[in-house]
Amino acid sequence: MCNIGTLTISVKYKKRPSRVPWKSILLAIFLSVVGCTLLTLGSLMLTGHIDVKRFPPNRTWPMLVLGAIMFIPGIYHVRLAFLAWRGFEGYSFDDIPDYD
């Protein structure tokens, strides 16, 4: 117990410094990069800038969908990590799931 004047605060309610979840941040960066690559390639295939004769024509939409599925959570967690690193109010590394 810590006595601060007339206020008594239990030690168990003190906030511990949060650990940086490096594995989760690296996974988020990987998802963002691969998702952005798949979205770019799928978009170029869809618009005709990449000749689809080299690739089967049924690969365009799955590439776009898989790219979006990977990019959206990846960039969300990269943003959380960046804002927590910069020290913005309301953001901490505790918001990012840890896979340890």
PDB file of N, CA and C in Angstrom:
ATOM      1  N   MET A   1       0.840  -1.178   0.000  1.00  0.00           N
ATOM      2  CA  MET A   1       0.000   0.000   0.000  1.00  0.00           C
ATOM      3  C   MET A   1       0.884   1.239   0.000  1.00  0.00           C
ATOM      4  N   CYS A   2       0.508   2.205  -0.783  1.00  0.00           N
ATOM      5  CA  CYS A   2       1.216   3.482  -0.832  1.00  0.00           C
ATOM      6  C   CYS A   2       0.311   4.545  -0.234  1.00  0.00           C
ATOM      7  N   ASN A   3       0.820   5.262   0.723  1.00  0.00           N
ATOM      8  CA  ASN A   3       0.052   6.350   1.311  1.00  0.00           C
ATOM      9  C   ASN A   3       0.494   7.671   0.693  1.00  0.00           C
ATOM     10  N   ILE A   4      -0.429   8.342   0.057  1.00  0.00           N
ATOM     11  CA  ILE A   4      -0.167   9.649  -0.533  1.00  0.00           C
ATOM     12  C   ILE A   4      -1.129  10.617   0.154  1.00  0.00           C
ATOM     13  N   GLY A   5      -0.622  11.276   1.159  1.00  0.00           N
ATOM     14  CA  GLY A   5      -1.495  12.171   1.928  1.00  0.00           C
ATOM     15  C   GLY A   5      -2.592  11.358   2.584  1.00  0.00           C
ATOM     16  N   THR A   6      -3.825  11.673   2.276  1.00  0.00           N
ATOM     17  CA  THR A   6      -4.950  10.921   2.825  1.00  0.00           C
ATOM     18  C   THR A   6      -5.427   9.860   1.851  1.00  0.00           C
ATOM     19  N   LEU A   7      -4.813   9.774   0.651  1.00  0.00           N
ATOM     20  CA  LEU A   7      -5.229   8.826  -0.373  1.00  0.00           C
ATOM     21  C   LEU A   7      -4.376   7.573  -0.283  1.00  0.00           C
ATOM     22  N   THR A   8      -5.007   6.438  -0.210  1.00  0.00           N
ATOM     23  CA  THR A   8      -4.308   5.168  -0.159  1.00  0.00           C
ATOM     24  C   THR A   8      -4.563   4.439  -1.474  1.00  0.00           C
ATOM     25  N   ILE A   9      -3.470   4.080  -2.168  1.00  0.00           N
ATOM     26  CA  ILE A   9      -3.566   3.403  -3.454  1.00  0.00           C
ATOM     27  C   ILE A   9      -2.872   2.058  -3.337  1.00  0.00           C
ATOM     28  N   SER A  10      -3.564   1.036  -3.759  1.00  0.00           N
ATOM     29  CA  SER A  10      -2.977  -0.291  -3.738  1.00  0.00           C
ATOM     30  C   SER A  10      -1.979  -0.415  -4.885  1.00  0.00           C
ATOM     31  N   VAL A  11      -0.920  -1.166  -4.656  1.00  0.00           N
ATOM     32  CA  VAL A  11       0.121  -1.339  -5.662  1.00  0.00           C
ATOM     33  C   VAL A  11      -0.406  -2.113  -6.861  1.00  0.00           C
ATOM     34  N   LYS A  12      -1.378  -2.979  -6.643  1.00  0.00           N
ATOM     35  CA  LYS A  12      -1.881  -3.786  -7.754  1.00  0.00           C
ATOM     36  C   LYS A  12      -2.651  -2.959  -8.775  1.00  0.00           C
ATOM     37  N   TYR A  13      -3.046  -1.740  -8.442  1.00  0.00           N
ATOM     38  CA  TYR A  13      -3.772  -0.892  -9.384  1.00  0.00           C
ATOM     39  C   TYR A  13      -2.868   0.062 -10.146  1.00  0.00           C
ATOM     40  N   LYS A  14      -1.588   0.028  -9.851  1.00  0.00           N
ATOM     41  CA  LYS A  14      -0.658   0.873 -10.598  1.00  0.00           C
ATOM     42  C   LYS A  14      -0.422   0.268 -11.972  1.00  0.00           C
ATOM     43  N   LYS A  15      -0.327   1.116 -12.975  1.00  0.00           N
ATOM     44  CA  LYS A  15      -0.124   0.647 -14.339  1.00  0.00           C
ATOM     45  C   LYS A  15       1.345   0.293 -14.548  1.00  0.00           C
ATOM     46  N   ARG A  16       1.551  -0.905 -15.031  1.00  0.00           N
ATOM     47  CA  ARG A  16       2.903  -1.349 -15.347  1.00  0.00           C
ATOM     48  C   ARG A  16       3.298  -0.812 -16.720  1.00  0.00           C
ATOM     49  N   PRO A  17       4.571  -0.561 -16.931  1.00  0.00           N
ATOM     50  CA  PRO A  17       4.987  -0.130 -18.275  1.00  0.00           C
ATOM     51  C   PRO A  17       4.747  -1.262 -19.279  1.00  0.00           C
ATOM     52  N   SER A  18       4.187  -0.917 -20.420  1.00  0.00           N
ATOM     53  CA  SER A  18       3.841  -1.945 -21.396  1.00  0.00           C
ATOM     54  C   SER A  18       5.065  -2.370 -22.200  1.00  0.00           C
ATOM     55  N   ARG A  19       5.102  -3.652 -22.511  1.00  0.00           N
ATOM     56  CA  ARG A  19       6.172  -4.209 -23.334  1.00  0.00           C
ATOM     57  C   ARG A  19       5.860  -3.989 -24.800  1.00  0.00           C
ATOM     58  N   VAL A  20       6.873  -3.894 -25.597  1.00  0.00           N
ATOM     59  CA  VAL A  20       6.685  -3.734 -27.039  1.00  0.00           C
ATOM     60  C   VAL A  20       6.560  -5.125 -27.656  1.00  0.00           C
ATOM     61  N   PRO A  21       5.429  -5.437 -28.300  1.00  0.00           N
ATOM     62  CA  PRO A  21       5.242  -6.769 -28.914  1.00  0.00           C
ATOM     63  C   PRO A  21       5.908  -6.827 -30.291  1.00  0.00           C
ATOM     64  N   TRP A  22       7.197  -7.094 -30.314  1.00  0.00           N
ATOM     65  CA  TRP A  22       7.965  -7.039 -31.560  1.00  0.00           C
ATOM     66  C   TRP A  22       7.484  -8.051 -32.588  1.00  0.00           C
ATOM     67  N   LYS A  23       7.141  -9.263 -32.169  1.00  0.00           N
ATOM     68  CA  LYS A  23       6.688 -10.276 -33.124  1.00  0.00           C
ATOM     69  C   LYS A  23       5.397  -9.842 -33.811  1.00  0.00           C
ATOM     70  N   SER A  24       4.495  -9.263 -33.059  1.00  0.00           N
ATOM     71  CA  SER A  24       3.235  -8.812 -33.629  1.00  0.00           C
ATOM     72  C   SER A  24       3.444  -7.650 -34.590  1.00  0.00           C
ATOM     73  N   ILE A  25       4.357  -6.759 -34.256  1.00  0.00           N
ATOM     74  CA  ILE A  25       4.632  -5.621 -35.134  1.00  0.00           C
ATOM     75  C   ILE A  25       5.283  -6.094 -36.426  1.00  0.00           C
ATOM     76  N   LEU A  26       6.216  -7.042 -36.329  1.00  0.00           N
ATOM     77  CA  LEU A  26       6.840  -7.581 -37.544  1.00  0.00           C
ATOM     78  C   LEU A  26       5.826  -8.329 -38.404  1.00  0.00           C
ATOM     79  N   LEU A  27       4.908  -9.055 -37.775  1.00  0.00           N
ATOM     80  CA  LEU A  27       3.851  -9.727 -38.531  1.00  0.00           C
ATOM     81  C   LEU A  27       2.947  -8.708 -39.219  1.00  0.00           C
ATOM     82  N   ALA A  28       2.628  -7.618 -38.546  1.00  0.00           N
ATOM     83  CA  ALA A  28       1.796  -6.579 -39.143  1.00  0.00           C
ATOM     84  C   ALA A  28       2.488  -5.917 -40.327  1.00  0.00           C
ATOM     85  N   ILE A  29       3.791  -5.682 -40.206  1.00  0.00           N
ATOM     86  CA  ILE A  29       4.547  -5.099 -41.326  1.00  0.00           C
ATOM     87  C   ILE A  29       4.573  -6.071 -42.507  1.00  0.00           C
ATOM     88  N   PHE A  30       4.780  -7.353 -42.222  1.00  0.00           N
ATOM     89  CA  PHE A  30       4.773  -8.366 -43.278  1.00  0.00           C
ATOM     90  C   PHE A  30       3.418  -8.409 -43.983  1.00  0.00           C
ATOM     91  N   LEU A  31       2.334  -8.422 -43.204  1.00  0.00           N
ATOM     92  CA  LEU A  31       0.995  -8.445 -43.801  1.00  0.00           C
ATOM     93  C   LEU A  31       0.743  -7.204 -44.651  1.00  0.00           C
ATOM     94  N   SER A  32       1.204  -6.061 -44.193  1.00  0.00           N
ATOM     95  CA  SER A  32       1.005  -4.820 -44.946  1.00  0.00           C
ATOM     96  C   SER A  32       1.750  -4.846 -46.272  1.00  0.00           C
ATOM     97  N   VAL A  33       2.998  -5.288 -46.246  1.00  0.00           N
ATOM     98  CA  VAL A  33       3.811  -5.297 -47.467  1.00  0.00           C
ATOM     99  C   VAL A  33       3.277  -6.305 -48.483  1.00  0.00           C
ATOM    100  N   VAL A  34       2.990  -7.519 -48.022  1.00  0.00           N
ATOM    101  CA  VAL A  34       2.485  -8.546 -48.939  1.00  0.00           C
ATOM    102  C   VAL A  34       1.091  -8.167 -49.446  1.00  0.00           C
ATOM    103  N   GLY A  35       0.248  -7.649 -48.574  1.00  0.00           N
ATOM    104  CA  GLY A  35      -1.083  -7.230 -48.999  1.00  0.00           C
ATOM    105  C   GLY A  35      -1.037  -6.102 -50.007  1.00  0.00           C
ATOM    106  N   CYS A  36      -0.156  -5.134 -49.794  1.00  0.00           N
ATOM    107  CA  CYS A  36      -0.009  -4.020 -50.738  1.00  0.00           C
ATOM    108  C   CYS A  36       0.512  -4.533 -52.084  1.00  0.00           C
ATOM    109  N   THR A  37       1.438  -5.478 -52.053  1.00  0.00           N
ATOM    110  CA  THR A  37       1.960  -6.054 -53.289  1.00  0.00           C
ATOM    111  C   THR A  37       0.866  -6.793 -54.058  1.00  0.00           C
ATOM    112  N   LEU A  38       0.088  -7.607 -53.352  1.00  0.00           N
ATOM    113  CA  LEU A  38      -0.991  -8.343 -54.016  1.00  0.00           C
ATOM    114  C   LEU A  38      -2.058  -7.398 -54.557  1.00  0.00           C
ATOM    115  N   LEU A  39      -2.393  -6.360 -53.807  1.00  0.00           N
ATOM    116  CA  LEU A  39      -3.372  -5.386 -54.298  1.00  0.00           C
ATOM    117  C   LEU A  39      -2.863  -4.668 -55.543  1.00  0.00           C
ATOM    118  N   THR A  40      -1.599  -4.303 -55.540  1.00  0.00           N
ATOM    119  CA  THR A  40      -1.024  -3.618 -56.703  1.00  0.00           C
ATOM    120  C   THR A  40      -1.000  -4.525 -57.923  1.00  0.00           C
ATOM    121  N   LEU A  41      -0.523  -5.764 -57.756  1.00  0.00           N
ATOM    122  CA  LEU A  41      -0.483  -6.693 -58.886  1.00  0.00           C
ATOM    123  C   LEU A  41      -1.887  -7.016 -59.396  1.00  0.00           C
ATOM    124  N   GLY A  42      -2.829  -7.226 -58.491  1.00  0.00           N
ATOM    125  CA  GLY A  42      -4.204  -7.502 -58.900  1.00  0.00           C
ATOM    126  C   GLY A  42      -4.834  -6.334 -59.631  1.00  0.00           C
ATOM    127  N   SER A  43      -4.556  -5.132 -59.170  1.00  0.00           N
ATOM    128  CA  SER A  43      -5.101  -3.947 -59.836  1.00  0.00           C
ATOM    129  C   SER A  43      -4.497  -3.772 -61.226  1.00  0.00           C
ATOM    130  N   LEU A  44      -3.191  -4.007 -61.341  1.00  0.00           N
ATOM    131  CA  LEU A  44      -2.551  -3.902 -62.650  1.00  0.00           C
ATOM    132  C   LEU A  44      -3.039  -4.976 -63.615  1.00  0.00           C
ATOM    133  N   MET A  45      -3.325  -6.155 -63.105  1.00  0.00           N
ATOM    134  CA  MET A  45      -3.885  -7.211 -63.948  1.00  0.00           C
ATOM    135  C   MET A  45      -5.309  -6.887 -64.366  1.00  0.00           C
ATOM    136  N   LEU A  46      -6.074  -6.309 -63.460  1.00  0.00           N
ATOM    137  CA  LEU A  46      -7.469  -5.978 -63.751  1.00  0.00           C
ATOM    138  C   LEU A  46      -7.578  -4.870 -64.796  1.00  0.00           C
ATOM    139  N   THR A  47      -6.678  -3.890 -64.721  1.00  0.00           N
ATOM    140  CA  THR A  47      -6.732  -2.770 -65.660  1.00  0.00           C
ATOM    141  C   THR A  47      -6.036  -3.071 -66.978  1.00  0.00           C
ATOM    142  N   GLY A  48      -5.332  -4.187 -67.079  1.00  0.00           N
ATOM    143  CA  GLY A  48      -4.707  -4.578 -68.335  1.00  0.00           C
ATOM    144  C   GLY A  48      -3.277  -4.126 -68.492  1.00  0.00           C
ATOM    145  N   HIS A  49      -2.679  -3.540 -67.468  1.00  0.00           N
ATOM    146  CA  HIS A  49      -1.280  -3.128 -67.567  1.00  0.00           C
ATOM    147  C   HIS A  49      -0.336  -4.323 -67.488  1.00  0.00           C
ATOM    148  N   ILE A  50      -0.773  -5.392 -66.864  1.00  0.00           N
ATOM    149  CA  ILE A  50      -0.037  -6.655 -66.870  1.00  0.00           C
ATOM    150  C   ILE A  50      -0.841  -7.609 -67.741  1.00  0.00           C
ATOM    151  N   ASP A  51      -0.171  -8.193 -68.710  1.00  0.00           N
ATOM    152  CA  ASP A  51      -0.847  -9.076 -69.650  1.00  0.00           C
ATOM    153  C   ASP A  51      -1.293 -10.344 -68.928  1.00  0.00           C
ATOM    154  N   VAL A  52      -2.576 -10.631 -68.948  1.00  0.00           N
ATOM    155  CA  VAL A  52      -3.091 -11.799 -68.238  1.00  0.00           C
ATOM    156  C   VAL A  52      -2.940 -13.079 -69.050  1.00  0.00           C
ATOM    157  N   LYS A  53      -2.358 -12.980 -70.242  1.00  0.00           N
ATOM    158  CA  LYS A  53      -2.114 -14.197 -71.023  1.00  0.00           C
ATOM    159  C   LYS A  53      -1.029 -15.049 -70.365  1.00  0.00           C
ATOM    160  N   ARG A  54      -0.136 -14.382 -69.621  1.00  0.00           N
ATOM    161  CA  ARG A  54       0.896 -15.127 -68.898  1.00  0.00           C
ATOM    162  C   ARG A  54       0.323 -15.841 -67.682  1.00  0.00           C
ATOM    163  N   PHE A  55      -0.690 -15.246 -67.100  1.00  0.00           N
ATOM    164  CA  PHE A  55      -1.329 -15.796 -65.905  1.00  0.00           C
ATOM    165  C   PHE A  55      -2.724 -16.274 -66.274  1.00  0.00           C
ATOM    166  N   PRO A  56      -3.233 -17.265 -65.592  1.00  0.00           N
ATOM    167  CA  PRO A  56      -4.629 -17.639 -65.836  1.00  0.00           C
ATOM    168  C   PRO A  56      -5.550 -16.458 -65.495  1.00  0.00           C
ATOM    169  N   PRO A  57      -6.584 -16.221 -66.293  1.00  0.00           N
ATOM    170  CA  PRO A  57      -7.423 -15.040 -66.074  1.00  0.00           C
ATOM    171  C   PRO A  57      -8.246 -15.088 -64.783  1.00  0.00           C
ATOM    172  N   ASN A  58      -8.369 -16.245 -64.173  1.00  0.00           N
ATOM    173  CA  ASN A  58      -9.148 -16.337 -62.941  1.00  0.00           C
ATOM    174  C   ASN A  58      -8.308 -16.044 -61.697  1.00  0.00           C
ATOM    175  N   ARG A  59      -7.108 -15.493 -61.842  1.00  0.00           N
ATOM    176  CA  ARG A  59      -6.248 -15.171 -60.697  1.00  0.00           C
ATOM    177  C   ARG A  59      -6.400 -13.726 -60.235  1.00  0.00           C
ATOM    178  N   THR A  60      -7.047 -12.881 -61.004  1.00  0.00           N
ATOM    179  CA  THR A  60      -7.102 -11.455 -60.687  1.00  0.00           C
ATOM    180  C   THR A  60      -7.921 -11.181 -59.434  1.00  0.00           C
ATOM    181  N   TRP A  61      -9.154 -11.646 -59.394  1.00  0.00           N
ATOM    182  CA  TRP A  61     -10.025 -11.346 -58.245  1.00  0.00           C
ATOM    183  C   TRP A  61      -9.566 -12.001 -56.952  1.00  0.00           C
ATOM    184  N   PRO A  62      -9.126 -13.268 -56.977  1.00  0.00           N
ATOM    185  CA  PRO A  62      -8.590 -13.826 -55.725  1.00  0.00           C
ATOM    186  C   PRO A  62      -7.365 -13.070 -55.218  1.00  0.00           C
ATOM    187  N   MET A  63      -6.540 -12.560 -56.137  1.00  0.00           N
ATOM    188  CA  MET A  63      -5.372 -11.792 -55.718  1.00  0.00           C
ATOM    189  C   MET A  63      -5.801 -10.482 -55.054  1.00  0.00           C
ATOM    190  N   LEU A  64      -6.814  -9.833 -55.601  1.00  0.00           N
ATOM    191  CA  LEU A  64      -7.320  -8.594 -54.992  1.00  0.00           C
ATOM    192  C   LEU A  64      -7.941  -8.849 -53.620  1.00  0.00           C
ATOM    193  N   VAL A  65      -8.730  -9.900 -53.516  1.00  0.00           N
ATOM    194  CA  VAL A  65      -9.397 -10.211 -52.238  1.00  0.00           C
ATOM    195  C   VAL A  65      -8.374 -10.611 -51.181  1.00  0.00           C
ATOM    196  N   LEU A  66      -7.432 -11.470 -51.542  1.00  0.00           N
ATOM    197  CA  LEU A  66      -6.405 -11.880 -50.584  1.00  0.00           C
ATOM    198  C   LEU A  66      -5.526 -10.697 -50.175  1.00  0.00           C
ATOM    199  N   GLY A  67      -5.227  -9.812 -51.119  1.00  0.00           N
ATOM    200  CA  GLY A  67      -4.464  -8.611 -50.801  1.00  0.00           C
ATOM    201  C   GLY A  67      -5.182  -7.715 -49.818  1.00  0.00           C
ATOM    202  N   ALA A  68      -6.495  -7.552 -50.004  1.00  0.00           N
ATOM    203  CA  ALA A  68      -7.276  -6.726 -49.075  1.00  0.00           C
ATOM    204  C   ALA A  68      -7.362  -7.368 -47.696  1.00  0.00           C
ATOM    205  N   ILE A  69      -7.525  -8.694 -47.673  1.00  0.00           N
ATOM    206  CA  ILE A  69      -7.604  -9.405 -46.392  1.00  0.00           C
ATOM    207  C   ILE A  69      -6.295  -9.280 -45.619  1.00  0.00           C
ATOM    208  N   MET A  70      -5.186  -9.236 -46.305  1.00  0.00           N
ATOM    209  CA  MET A  70      -3.892  -9.113 -45.629  1.00  0.00           C
ATOM    210  C   MET A  70      -3.558  -7.657 -45.307  1.00  0.00           C
ATOM    211  N   PHE A  71      -3.909  -6.741 -46.195  1.00  0.00           N
ATOM    212  CA  PHE A  71      -3.498  -5.346 -46.038  1.00  0.00           C
ATOM    213  C   PHE A  71      -4.247  -4.635 -44.906  1.00  0.00           C
ATOM    214  N   ILE A  72      -5.547  -4.843 -44.810  1.00  0.00           N
ATOM    215  CA  ILE A  72      -6.352  -4.073 -43.850  1.00  0.00           C
ATOM    216  C   ILE A  72      -5.935  -4.323 -42.400  1.00  0.00           C
ATOM    217  N   PRO A  73      -5.856  -5.566 -41.911  1.00  0.00           N
ATOM    218  CA  PRO A  73      -5.411  -5.725 -40.513  1.00  0.00           C
ATOM    219  C   PRO A  73      -3.941  -5.375 -40.310  1.00  0.00           C
ATOM    220  N   GLY A  74      -3.124  -5.601 -41.342  1.00  0.00           N
ATOM    221  CA  GLY A  74      -1.710  -5.275 -41.209  1.00  0.00           C
ATOM    222  C   GLY A  74      -1.478  -3.790 -41.024  1.00  0.00           C
ATOM    223  N   ILE A  75      -2.098  -2.968 -41.856  1.00  0.00           N
ATOM    224  CA  ILE A  75      -1.879  -1.529 -41.763  1.00  0.00           C
ATOM    225  C   ILE A  75      -2.544  -0.964 -40.507  1.00  0.00           C
ATOM    226  N   TYR A  76      -3.623  -1.590 -40.047  1.00  0.00           N
ATOM    227  CA  TYR A  76      -4.274  -1.146 -38.807  1.00  0.00           C
ATOM    228  C   TYR A  76      -3.330  -1.319 -37.613  1.00  0.00           C
ATOM    229  N   HIS A  77      -2.680  -2.468 -37.535  1.00  0.00           N
ATOM    230  CA  HIS A  77      -1.786  -2.713 -36.408  1.00  0.00           C
ATOM    231  C   HIS A  77      -0.472  -1.931 -36.528  1.00  0.00           C
ATOM    232  N   VAL A  78      -0.018  -1.690 -37.746  1.00  0.00           N
ATOM    233  CA  VAL A  78       1.160  -0.831 -37.920  1.00  0.00           C
ATOM    234  C   VAL A  78       0.834   0.578 -37.441  1.00  0.00           C
ATOM    235  N   ARG A  79      -0.366   1.054 -37.753  1.00  0.00           N
ATOM    236  CA  ARG A  79      -0.797   2.387 -37.295  1.00  0.00           C
ATOM    237  C   ARG A  79      -0.871   2.443 -35.770  1.00  0.00           C
ATOM    238  N   LEU A  80      -1.437   1.400 -35.152  1.00  0.00           N
ATOM    239  CA  LEU A  80      -1.489   1.353 -33.687  1.00  0.00           C
ATOM    240  C   LEU A  80      -0.083   1.395 -33.082  1.00  0.00           C
ATOM    241  N   ALA A  81       0.831   0.631 -33.657  1.00  0.00           N
ATOM    242  CA  ALA A  81       2.192   0.599 -33.128  1.00  0.00           C
ATOM    243  C   ALA A  81       2.879   1.956 -33.303  1.00  0.00           C
ATOM    244  N   PHE A  82       2.660   2.610 -34.433  1.00  0.00           N
ATOM    245  CA  PHE A  82       3.278   3.907 -34.661  1.00  0.00           C
ATOM    246  C   PHE A  82       2.746   4.952 -33.689  1.00  0.00           C
ATOM    247  N   LEU A  83       1.426   4.979 -33.492  1.00  0.00           N
ATOM    248  CA  LEU A  83       0.843   5.963 -32.585  1.00  0.00           C
ATOM    249  C   LEU A  83       1.238   5.696 -31.136  1.00  0.00           C
ATOM    250  N   ALA A  84       1.378   4.424 -30.764  1.00  0.00           N
ATOM    251  CA  ALA A  84       1.840   4.102 -29.408  1.00  0.00           C
ATOM    252  C   ALA A  84       3.301   4.496 -29.235  1.00  0.00           C
ATOM    253  N   TRP A  85       4.109   4.280 -30.260  1.00  0.00           N
ATOM    254  CA  TRP A  85       5.525   4.650 -30.202  1.00  0.00           C
ATOM    255  C   TRP A  85       5.689   6.160 -30.099  1.00  0.00           C
ATOM    256  N   ARG A  86       4.844   6.913 -30.798  1.00  0.00           N
ATOM    257  CA  ARG A  86       4.917   8.373 -30.750  1.00  0.00           C
ATOM    258  C   ARG A  86       4.341   8.936 -29.450  1.00  0.00           C
ATOM    259  N   GLY A  87       3.614   8.116 -28.696  1.00  0.00           N
ATOM    260  CA  GLY A  87       3.110   8.531 -27.399  1.00  0.00           C
ATOM    261  C   GLY A  87       1.807   9.307 -27.441  1.00  0.00           C
ATOM    262  N   PHE A  88       1.001   9.097 -28.477  1.00  0.00           N
ATOM    263  CA  PHE A  88      -0.290   9.765 -28.543  1.00  0.00           C
ATOM    264  C   PHE A  88      -1.193   9.262 -27.430  1.00  0.00           C
ATOM    265  N   GLU A  89      -1.996  10.162 -26.900  1.00  0.00           N
ATOM    266  CA  GLU A  89      -2.887   9.814 -25.804  1.00  0.00           C
ATOM    267  C   GLU A  89      -3.953   8.834 -26.289  1.00  0.00           C
ATOM    268  N   GLY A  90      -4.173   7.798 -25.514  1.00  0.00           N
ATOM    269  CA  GLY A  90      -5.173   6.794 -25.854  1.00  0.00           C
ATOM    270  C   GLY A  90      -4.607   5.596 -26.601  1.00  0.00           C
ATOM    271  N   TYR A  91      -3.344   5.618 -26.948  1.00  0.00           N
ATOM    272  CA  TYR A  91      -2.721   4.512 -27.662  1.00  0.00           C
ATOM    273  C   TYR A  91      -1.582   3.954 -26.823  1.00  0.00           C
ATOM    274  N   SER A  92      -1.525   2.648 -26.728  1.00  0.00           N
ATOM    275  CA  SER A  92      -0.422   1.996 -26.030  1.00  0.00           C
ATOM    276  C   SER A  92      -0.139   0.665 -26.704  1.00  0.00           C
ATOM    277  N   PHE A  93       0.996   0.092 -26.378  1.00  0.00           N
ATOM    278  CA  PHE A  93       1.343  -1.195 -26.957  1.00  0.00           C
ATOM    279  C   PHE A  93       0.469  -2.314 -26.411  1.00  0.00           C
ATOM    280  N   ASP A  94      -0.284  -2.036 -25.362  1.00  0.00           N
ATOM    281  CA  ASP A  94      -1.218  -3.041 -24.833  1.00  0.00           C
ATOM    282  C   ASP A  94      -2.381  -3.282 -25.784  1.00  0.00           C
ATOM    283  N   ASP A  95      -2.623  -2.363 -26.731  1.00  0.00           N
ATOM    284  CA  ASP A  95      -3.716  -2.520 -27.706  1.00  0.00           C
ATOM    285  C   ASP A  95      -3.388  -3.539 -28.785  1.00  0.00           C
ATOM    286  N   ILE A  96      -2.115  -3.873 -28.918  1.00  0.00           N
ATOM    287  CA  ILE A  96      -1.679  -4.826 -29.951  1.00  0.00           C
ATOM    288  C   ILE A  96      -1.588  -6.200 -29.321  1.00  0.00           C
ATOM    289  N   PRO A  97      -2.221  -7.221 -29.922  1.00  0.00           N
ATOM    290  CA  PRO A  97      -2.142  -8.579 -29.344  1.00  0.00           C
ATOM    291  C   PRO A  97      -0.712  -9.094 -29.393  1.00  0.00           C
ATOM    292  N   ASP A  98      -0.339  -9.817 -28.350  1.00  0.00           N
ATOM    293  CA  ASP A  98       1.009 -10.369 -28.241  1.00  0.00           C
ATOM    294  C   ASP A  98       0.946 -11.872 -28.466  1.00  0.00           C
ATOM    295  N   TYR A  99       1.826 -12.395 -29.296  1.00  0.00           N
ATOM    296  CA  TYR A  99       1.812 -13.811 -29.633  1.00  0.00           C
ATOM    297  C   TYR A  99       2.921 -14.600 -28.957  1.00  0.00           C
ATOM    298  N   ASP A 100       3.410 -14.126 -27.818  1.00  0.00           N
ATOM    299  CA  ASP A 100       4.454 -14.845 -27.086  1.00  0.00           C
ATOM    300  C   ASP A 100       3.868 -15.929 -26.228  1.00  0.00           C
TER     301      ASP A 100
END
